[in-house]
């Protein structure tokens, strides 16, 4: 299932309309902004805390590129400007962000944008929703897997080259975040007889707000030829990563 952490930004106003700035027009309008954090999670064992509204960065920029751009911590926007801003007529984009859009552990990135138009003497209603814009990855191992292998490490490598390492000693509770797109998975393991091996898989087309919970299993620990499998909780899909020999006599 998809893990969603949503943050709704409501811009409340008296009237609204759409359109573009006609050259030569003059005038101003006022936008009144409100920010309401919301959280909705689906099949997530550990839900990340939703950032407080005051901790988001609000940016308003002119959509046609005339140079106007202004940003505030939303708390400052409320306390210093009273939650409203008077702008020259024209087309604008409002952006809400939390985080720096980098990849790594404990780096959820919230983003949302919406275009709006200011007309003379009017206030334009805007509803902007900012949601987690990256992909969350966690790792787990079944008792059959941990009971057989003496060591194991999962490494996730994003398309940008970021490596997230979930080692045996510290994987539990680690939440990695990468940008949407493809990423590679490699699990390195050591059998009880000291033999080492690796298994790999590539995830393609991961999208924002998805939570990939990688759960490894190994044929319920039975002796003989078996397969390492990984279940993606997001898609309920089990993938065969590698066929290995579990009999330590060989």
Foldseek 3Di string as FASTA:
>chain_A
DFFKFKWKKWWDWDDADDDFDDPPDWAKEKIAIDTGGDGDTDPDPDDDDDDDQQQKKKKKDAPVPPPDIDIDRVVCCCPVVVRMDMDIWGKMKIKIWDFDQDWWWPTFIWIWMDMGTTDHHTYHIDMIMIMGWWEKEAEAEDCLVCVWFVWKKKWKADPVGDIYIQTPVHRPPIITTHGFFKIKIKMWTAGPLGDIDMWIDMDGGGGGRGYFYWYWYWPSNDAAWIFIWTAGPRVRDIDTGDIDGSHSVD
